Amino acid sequence: MRQISVFLNNEKGRLEKITGLLAEKQIDIKSLCIAETEKFGILRMIVNNVDEAVAVLHANDVVCDIANVLAVEVDDIPGGLNKVLTVFSGLNIEYMYDFLERTDKRAVMIFKFSELDKAEKIAEENGMVLLSEENLLNKV
């Protein structure tokens, strides 16, 4: 799955500008998280049309990048996330966040691993459900 990372100066209205650009092109933000420092922030988003979103952002001089992440279904019960984290215990998780919608009463977590291929292999070996852009964005 592809995620867009947008680099933002900590200025009033900057986030609104980004969401406005996407809204004008009918690009739906399906999930997001923001990490910040004193001077800048990183907006990470899963959207329904990555290529168009990046083109719009670049056309408006917005610095952004695409990163590959894993979308993993998690049992939406106490301990569900811990079970998944235990499977990945030997890997470095750079960050993670929740997908805003659920699939079949299951949570979906977005993970960024330092060794994405290894994480994907471990997930598959352990019977985890990994979702692609297409099936996640069309399933919910």
N, C-alpha and C. Protein backbone atom coordinates (compact mmCIF):
# COMPACT_ATOMS: atom_id res chain seq x y z
N MET A 1 0.85 -1.17 0.00
CA MET A 1 0.00 0.00 0.00
C MET A 1 0.89 1.23 0.00
N ARG A 2 0.44 2.28 -0.70
CA ARG A 2 1.20 3.52 -0.76
C ARG A 2 0.58 4.59 0.13
N GLN A 3 1.44 5.29 0.80
CA GLN A 3 1.06 6.38 1.69
C GLN A 3 1.76 7.65 1.22
N ILE A 4 1.09 8.76 1.35
CA ILE A 4 1.70 10.05 1.01
C ILE A 4 2.19 10.70 2.30
N SER A 5 3.43 11.17 2.29
CA SER A 5 3.98 11.95 3.39
C SER A 5 4.16 13.37 2.89
N VAL A 6 3.55 14.32 3.58
CA VAL A 6 3.64 15.73 3.22
C VAL A 6 4.43 16.45 4.30
N PHE A 7 5.41 17.23 3.88
CA PHE A 7 6.25 17.96 4.81
C PHE A 7 5.72 19.38 4.93
N LEU A 8 5.36 19.78 6.16
CA LEU A 8 4.70 21.05 6.40
C LEU A 8 5.48 21.90 7.38
N ASN A 9 5.60 23.18 7.09
CA ASN A 9 6.08 24.12 8.09
C ASN A 9 4.97 24.30 9.11
N ASN A 10 5.33 24.51 10.35
CA ASN A 10 4.33 24.78 11.38
C ASN A 10 3.86 26.22 11.23
N GLU A 11 2.87 26.42 10.37
CA GLU A 11 2.30 27.73 10.10
C GLU A 11 0.78 27.60 10.11
N LYS A 12 0.13 28.64 10.55
CA LYS A 12 -1.34 28.66 10.54
C LYS A 12 -1.85 28.48 9.12
N GLY A 13 -2.86 27.63 8.96
CA GLY A 13 -3.52 27.45 7.67
C GLY A 13 -2.85 26.49 6.72
N ARG A 14 -1.67 26.00 7.05
CA ARG A 14 -0.94 25.12 6.13
C ARG A 14 -1.68 23.80 5.92
N LEU A 15 -2.18 23.20 6.97
CA LEU A 15 -2.92 21.95 6.85
C LEU A 15 -4.22 22.16 6.06
N GLU A 16 -4.88 23.27 6.33
CA GLU A 16 -6.11 23.59 5.60
C GLU A 16 -5.84 23.73 4.10
N LYS A 17 -4.71 24.31 3.74
CA LYS A 17 -4.36 24.45 2.32
C LYS A 17 -4.25 23.07 1.67
N ILE A 18 -3.58 22.14 2.34
CA ILE A 18 -3.38 20.79 1.79
C ILE A 18 -4.73 20.09 1.62
N THR A 19 -5.55 20.12 2.66
CA THR A 19 -6.84 19.44 2.55
C THR A 19 -7.74 20.11 1.52
N GLY A 20 -7.62 21.43 1.37
CA GLY A 20 -8.39 22.15 0.36
C GLY A 20 -8.00 21.75 -1.06
N LEU A 21 -6.69 21.62 -1.30
CA LEU A 21 -6.22 21.19 -2.62
C LEU A 21 -6.77 19.82 -2.98
N LEU A 22 -6.76 18.92 -2.02
CA LEU A 22 -7.27 17.57 -2.27
C LEU A 22 -8.78 17.58 -2.44
N ALA A 23 -9.47 18.36 -1.64
CA ALA A 23 -10.93 18.44 -1.73
C ALA A 23 -11.37 18.95 -3.09
N GLU A 24 -10.66 19.95 -3.61
CA GLU A 24 -11.00 20.50 -4.93
C GLU A 24 -10.97 19.44 -6.02
N LYS A 25 -10.10 18.45 -5.88
CA LYS A 25 -9.97 17.38 -6.88
C LYS A 25 -10.73 16.11 -6.49
N GLN A 26 -11.59 16.23 -5.47
CA GLN A 26 -12.41 15.10 -5.01
C GLN A 26 -11.55 13.92 -4.54
N ILE A 27 -10.41 14.21 -3.97
CA ILE A 27 -9.54 13.16 -3.42
C ILE A 27 -9.93 12.97 -1.96
N ASP A 28 -10.27 11.73 -1.63
CA ASP A 28 -10.75 11.39 -0.30
C ASP A 28 -9.61 10.93 0.59
N ILE A 29 -9.43 11.61 1.71
CA ILE A 29 -8.45 11.19 2.70
C ILE A 29 -9.11 10.10 3.54
N LYS A 30 -8.57 8.90 3.48
CA LYS A 30 -9.15 7.76 4.17
C LYS A 30 -8.58 7.58 5.57
N SER A 31 -7.34 8.01 5.77
CA SER A 31 -6.70 7.92 7.07
C SER A 31 -5.54 8.90 7.09
N LEU A 32 -5.21 9.38 8.27
CA LEU A 32 -4.08 10.29 8.38
C LEU A 32 -3.53 10.30 9.78
N CYS A 33 -2.30 10.77 9.87
CA CYS A 33 -1.70 11.07 11.16
C CYS A 33 -0.72 12.21 10.94
N ILE A 34 -0.46 12.94 12.00
CA ILE A 34 0.47 14.06 11.92
C ILE A 34 1.50 13.89 13.03
N ALA A 35 2.77 13.99 12.63
CA ALA A 35 3.88 14.02 13.59
C ALA A 35 4.48 15.41 13.48
N GLU A 36 4.91 15.96 14.60
CA GLU A 36 5.40 17.32 14.55
C GLU A 36 6.67 17.52 15.35
N THR A 37 7.39 18.54 14.94
CA THR A 37 8.49 19.07 15.72
C THR A 37 8.18 20.55 15.91
N GLU A 38 9.08 21.28 16.50
CA GLU A 38 8.83 22.70 16.73
C GLU A 38 8.66 23.49 15.43
N LYS A 39 9.40 23.12 14.39
CA LYS A 39 9.41 23.91 13.17
C LYS A 39 8.65 23.31 12.00
N PHE A 40 8.44 22.02 12.00
CA PHE A 40 7.73 21.40 10.88
C PHE A 40 6.98 20.17 11.33
N GLY A 41 6.12 19.70 10.45
CA GLY A 41 5.35 18.50 10.72
C GLY A 41 5.35 17.60 9.51
N ILE A 42 4.98 16.36 9.72
CA ILE A 42 4.82 15.40 8.63
C ILE A 42 3.39 14.89 8.70
N LEU A 43 2.67 15.13 7.63
CA LEU A 43 1.30 14.64 7.48
C LEU A 43 1.38 13.36 6.66
N ARG A 44 0.94 12.27 7.23
CA ARG A 44 0.93 10.99 6.52
C ARG A 44 -0.52 10.65 6.23
N MET A 45 -0.78 10.27 4.95
CA MET A 45 -2.16 10.05 4.53
C MET A 45 -2.28 8.82 3.63
N ILE A 46 -3.40 8.14 3.79
CA ILE A 46 -3.86 7.15 2.83
C ILE A 46 -5.03 7.82 2.12
N VAL A 47 -4.95 7.89 0.80
CA VAL A 47 -6.01 8.55 0.01
C VAL A 47 -6.52 7.60 -1.05
N ASN A 48 -7.66 7.95 -1.65
CA ASN A 48 -8.26 7.08 -2.64
C ASN A 48 -7.60 7.18 -4.01
N ASN A 49 -6.76 8.18 -4.24
CA ASN A 49 -6.06 8.31 -5.52
C ASN A 49 -4.69 8.93 -5.29
N VAL A 50 -3.72 8.08 -5.01
CA VAL A 50 -2.37 8.53 -4.64
C VAL A 50 -1.73 9.33 -5.77
N ASP A 51 -1.79 8.81 -6.98
CA ASP A 51 -1.10 9.47 -8.09
C ASP A 51 -1.64 10.87 -8.34
N GLU A 52 -2.95 11.02 -8.35
CA GLU A 52 -3.54 12.34 -8.57
C GLU A 52 -3.24 13.27 -7.40
N ALA A 53 -3.28 12.75 -6.19
CA ALA A 53 -2.99 13.58 -5.02
C ALA A 53 -1.57 14.12 -5.07
N VAL A 54 -0.62 13.28 -5.39
CA VAL A 54 0.78 13.72 -5.48
C VAL A 54 0.94 14.74 -6.60
N ALA A 55 0.29 14.52 -7.73
CA ALA A 55 0.38 15.48 -8.84
C ALA A 55 -0.17 16.84 -8.42
N VAL A 56 -1.31 16.86 -7.73
CA VAL A 56 -1.90 18.12 -7.27
C VAL A 56 -0.98 18.81 -6.27
N LEU A 57 -0.45 18.06 -5.36
CA LEU A 57 0.43 18.65 -4.35
C LEU A 57 1.70 19.22 -4.98
N HIS A 58 2.32 18.43 -5.85
CA HIS A 58 3.53 18.92 -6.53
C HIS A 58 3.24 20.16 -7.37
N ALA A 59 2.11 20.18 -8.05
CA ALA A 59 1.74 21.33 -8.89
C ALA A 59 1.57 22.60 -8.05
N ASN A 60 1.33 22.43 -6.76
CA ASN A 60 1.17 23.58 -5.87
C ASN A 60 2.37 23.75 -4.93
N ASP A 61 3.51 23.23 -5.37
CA ASP A 61 4.79 23.38 -4.65
C ASP A 61 4.76 22.84 -3.22
N VAL A 62 4.01 21.76 -3.03
CA VAL A 62 3.97 21.10 -1.74
C VAL A 62 4.96 19.94 -1.78
N VAL A 63 5.86 19.90 -0.82
CA VAL A 63 6.86 18.84 -0.76
C VAL A 63 6.19 17.58 -0.19
N CYS A 64 6.20 16.52 -0.99
CA CYS A 64 5.61 15.27 -0.53
C CYS A 64 6.36 14.09 -1.14
N ASP A 65 6.11 12.93 -0.58
CA ASP A 65 6.77 11.72 -1.01
C ASP A 65 5.79 10.56 -0.83
N ILE A 66 6.07 9.48 -1.53
CA ILE A 66 5.26 8.27 -1.38
C ILE A 66 6.10 7.23 -0.64
N ALA A 67 5.50 6.59 0.35
CA ALA A 67 6.16 5.52 1.09
C ALA A 67 5.29 4.27 1.02
N ASN A 68 5.93 3.13 1.01
CA ASN A 68 5.19 1.86 1.06
C ASN A 68 5.00 1.46 2.52
N VAL A 69 3.77 1.10 2.83
CA VAL A 69 3.40 0.69 4.19
C VAL A 69 2.58 -0.60 4.10
N LEU A 70 2.38 -1.23 5.23
CA LEU A 70 1.52 -2.41 5.29
C LEU A 70 0.22 -2.05 5.99
N ALA A 71 -0.89 -2.47 5.41
CA ALA A 71 -2.20 -2.35 6.04
C ALA A 71 -2.57 -3.75 6.52
N VAL A 72 -2.72 -3.90 7.82
CA VAL A 72 -2.94 -5.20 8.43
C VAL A 72 -4.27 -5.21 9.18
N GLU A 73 -5.09 -6.23 8.91
CA GLU A 73 -6.32 -6.39 9.68
C GLU A 73 -5.96 -6.87 11.08
N VAL A 74 -6.64 -6.30 12.07
CA VAL A 74 -6.39 -6.62 13.47
C VAL A 74 -7.74 -6.96 14.11
N ASP A 75 -7.77 -8.03 14.88
CA ASP A 75 -9.00 -8.35 15.61
C ASP A 75 -9.35 -7.17 16.51
N ASP A 76 -10.57 -6.68 16.42
CA ASP A 76 -11.01 -5.53 17.19
C ASP A 76 -11.53 -5.99 18.54
N ILE A 77 -10.61 -6.54 19.34
CA ILE A 77 -10.91 -7.04 20.67
C ILE A 77 -9.74 -6.66 21.58
N PRO A 78 -9.95 -6.69 22.90
CA PRO A 78 -8.82 -6.45 23.79
C PRO A 78 -7.69 -7.45 23.50
N GLY A 79 -6.49 -6.93 23.31
CA GLY A 79 -5.34 -7.78 23.02
C GLY A 79 -5.11 -8.02 21.54
N GLY A 80 -6.03 -7.56 20.68
CA GLY A 80 -5.88 -7.77 19.24
C GLY A 80 -4.62 -7.15 18.68
N LEU A 81 -4.35 -5.92 19.05
CA LEU A 81 -3.14 -5.24 18.57
C LEU A 81 -1.89 -5.90 19.14
N ASN A 82 -1.94 -6.27 20.40
CA ASN A 82 -0.78 -6.92 21.02
C ASN A 82 -0.42 -8.21 20.30
N LYS A 83 -1.41 -8.95 19.88
CA LYS A 83 -1.17 -10.19 19.14
C LYS A 83 -0.39 -9.91 17.85
N VAL A 84 -0.78 -8.85 17.14
CA VAL A 84 -0.08 -8.48 15.91
C VAL A 84 1.34 -8.01 16.22
N LEU A 85 1.48 -7.18 17.24
CA LEU A 85 2.80 -6.67 17.60
C LEU A 85 3.75 -7.78 18.02
N THR A 86 3.21 -8.82 18.66
CA THR A 86 4.03 -9.97 19.06
C THR A 86 4.59 -10.67 17.83
N VAL A 87 3.79 -10.79 16.78
CA VAL A 87 4.26 -11.42 15.54
C VAL A 87 5.42 -10.63 14.94
N PHE A 88 5.36 -9.31 15.05
CA PHE A 88 6.39 -8.44 14.48
C PHE A 88 7.48 -8.06 15.48
N SER A 89 7.57 -8.75 16.61
CA SER A 89 8.46 -8.33 17.70
C SER A 89 9.93 -8.24 17.31
N GLY A 90 10.38 -8.95 16.30
CA GLY A 90 11.77 -8.89 15.89
C GLY A 90 12.08 -7.79 14.88
N LEU A 91 11.08 -7.00 14.53
CA LEU A 91 11.25 -5.97 13.51
C LEU A 91 11.11 -4.57 14.12
N ASN A 92 11.71 -3.61 13.45
CA ASN A 92 11.59 -2.22 13.88
C ASN A 92 10.37 -1.59 13.20
N ILE A 93 9.42 -1.17 14.01
CA ILE A 93 8.26 -0.44 13.51
C ILE A 93 8.59 1.03 13.63
N GLU A 94 8.70 1.71 12.49
CA GLU A 94 9.05 3.13 12.50
C GLU A 94 7.88 3.97 13.01
N TYR A 95 6.68 3.61 12.58
CA TYR A 95 5.47 4.24 13.09
C TYR A 95 4.28 3.41 12.66
N MET A 96 3.13 3.70 13.27
CA MET A 96 1.89 3.04 12.91
C MET A 96 0.74 3.95 13.28
N TYR A 97 -0.39 3.73 12.63
CA TYR A 97 -1.59 4.46 12.97
C TYR A 97 -2.80 3.67 12.49
N ASP A 98 -3.94 4.04 13.00
CA ASP A 98 -5.19 3.34 12.72
C ASP A 98 -5.81 3.87 11.44
N PHE A 99 -6.32 2.96 10.62
CA PHE A 99 -7.13 3.34 9.47
C PHE A 99 -8.48 3.76 10.03
N LEU A 100 -9.08 4.79 9.49
CA LEU A 100 -10.29 5.36 10.09
C LEU A 100 -11.51 4.47 10.02
N GLU A 101 -11.57 3.61 9.02
CA GLU A 101 -12.74 2.75 8.86
C GLU A 101 -12.36 1.31 9.18
N ARG A 102 -13.35 0.50 9.39
CA ARG A 102 -13.15 -0.91 9.72
C ARG A 102 -13.54 -1.77 8.53
N THR A 103 -13.02 -2.99 8.52
CA THR A 103 -13.44 -3.96 7.50
C THR A 103 -14.00 -5.18 8.23
N ASP A 104 -15.22 -5.51 7.91
CA ASP A 104 -15.84 -6.70 8.50
C ASP A 104 -15.65 -6.78 10.02
N LYS A 105 -15.87 -5.66 10.69
CA LYS A 105 -15.77 -5.57 12.15
C LYS A 105 -14.35 -5.83 12.66
N ARG A 106 -13.37 -5.59 11.80
CA ARG A 106 -11.98 -5.72 12.21
C ARG A 106 -11.32 -4.37 12.03
N ALA A 107 -10.39 -4.06 12.91
CA ALA A 107 -9.63 -2.83 12.77
C ALA A 107 -8.58 -3.01 11.68
N VAL A 108 -8.10 -1.91 11.14
CA VAL A 108 -7.00 -1.94 10.18
C VAL A 108 -5.93 -1.00 10.70
N MET A 109 -4.72 -1.50 10.82
CA MET A 109 -3.59 -0.69 11.25
C MET A 109 -2.63 -0.51 10.08
N ILE A 110 -2.10 0.69 9.95
CA ILE A 110 -1.10 1.00 8.94
C ILE A 110 0.26 0.97 9.65
N PHE A 111 1.19 0.18 9.11
CA PHE A 111 2.52 0.04 9.70
C PHE A 111 3.60 0.46 8.71
N LYS A 112 4.59 1.18 9.20
CA LYS A 112 5.80 1.47 8.42
C LYS A 112 6.93 0.74 9.11
N PHE A 113 7.53 -0.19 8.40
CA PHE A 113 8.63 -0.99 8.92
C PHE A 113 9.93 -0.58 8.25
N SER A 114 11.03 -0.71 8.98
CA SER A 114 12.34 -0.45 8.36
C SER A 114 12.68 -1.55 7.36
N GLU A 115 12.12 -2.75 7.55
CA GLU A 115 12.33 -3.87 6.62
C GLU A 115 10.95 -4.36 6.15
N LEU A 116 10.39 -3.62 5.20
CA LEU A 116 9.01 -3.89 4.76
C LEU A 116 8.85 -5.28 4.16
N ASP A 117 9.78 -5.71 3.32
CA ASP A 117 9.67 -7.04 2.69
C ASP A 117 9.67 -8.14 3.74
N LYS A 118 10.53 -8.01 4.73
CA LYS A 118 10.59 -9.00 5.81
C LYS A 118 9.28 -9.01 6.60
N ALA A 119 8.74 -7.83 6.88
CA ALA A 119 7.48 -7.73 7.62
C ALA A 119 6.34 -8.39 6.84
N GLU A 120 6.32 -8.15 5.54
CA GLU A 120 5.27 -8.74 4.70
C GLU A 120 5.36 -10.26 4.71
N LYS A 121 6.56 -10.78 4.62
CA LYS A 121 6.77 -12.23 4.64
C LYS A 121 6.33 -12.83 5.99
N ILE A 122 6.71 -12.18 7.07
CA ILE A 122 6.33 -12.65 8.41
C ILE A 122 4.81 -12.64 8.56
N ALA A 123 4.17 -11.57 8.09
CA ALA A 123 2.72 -11.47 8.18
C ALA A 123 2.05 -12.61 7.42
N GLU A 124 2.51 -12.84 6.21
CA GLU A 124 1.92 -13.91 5.39
C GLU A 124 2.15 -15.28 6.03
N GLU A 125 3.34 -15.52 6.56
CA GLU A 125 3.64 -16.80 7.21
C GLU A 125 2.77 -17.04 8.43
N ASN A 126 2.29 -15.96 9.05
CA ASN A 126 1.47 -16.06 10.25
C ASN A 126 -0.02 -15.91 9.96
N GLY A 127 -0.39 -15.96 8.68
CA GLY A 127 -1.80 -15.94 8.30
C GLY A 127 -2.50 -14.61 8.50
N MET A 128 -1.75 -13.53 8.58
CA MET A 128 -2.36 -12.21 8.74
C MET A 128 -2.96 -11.76 7.42
N VAL A 129 -4.02 -10.98 7.50
CA VAL A 129 -4.65 -10.43 6.32
C VAL A 129 -4.00 -9.07 6.02
N LEU A 130 -3.33 -8.99 4.88
CA LEU A 130 -2.74 -7.74 4.41
C LEU A 130 -3.64 -7.17 3.33
N LEU A 131 -3.88 -5.90 3.39
CA LEU A 131 -4.78 -5.27 2.44
C LEU A 131 -4.00 -4.38 1.48
N SER A 132 -4.37 -4.45 0.22
CA SER A 132 -3.75 -3.59 -0.79
C SER A 132 -4.54 -2.29 -0.88
N GLU A 133 -3.99 -1.32 -1.60
CA GLU A 133 -4.72 -0.07 -1.82
C GLU A 133 -6.09 -0.36 -2.41
N GLU A 134 -6.10 -1.18 -3.44
CA GLU A 134 -7.35 -1.44 -4.15
C GLU A 134 -8.38 -2.12 -3.28
N ASN A 135 -7.99 -3.20 -2.61
CA ASN A 135 -9.02 -3.91 -1.84
C ASN A 135 -9.39 -3.19 -0.54
N LEU A 136 -8.48 -2.43 0.03
CA LEU A 136 -8.83 -1.68 1.24
C LEU A 136 -9.75 -0.52 0.93
N LEU A 137 -9.42 0.23 -0.09
CA LEU A 137 -10.21 1.41 -0.41
C LEU A 137 -11.55 1.06 -1.04
N ASN A 138 -11.69 -0.13 -1.60
CA ASN A 138 -12.96 -0.56 -2.18
C ASN A 138 -13.78 -1.41 -1.22
N LYS A 139 -13.12 -1.95 -0.17
CA LYS A 139 -13.79 -2.87 0.74
C LYS A 139 -14.61 -2.15 1.80
N VAL A 140 -14.15 -0.97 2.20
CA VAL A 140 -14.80 -0.28 3.30
C VAL A 140 -15.98 0.55 2.81
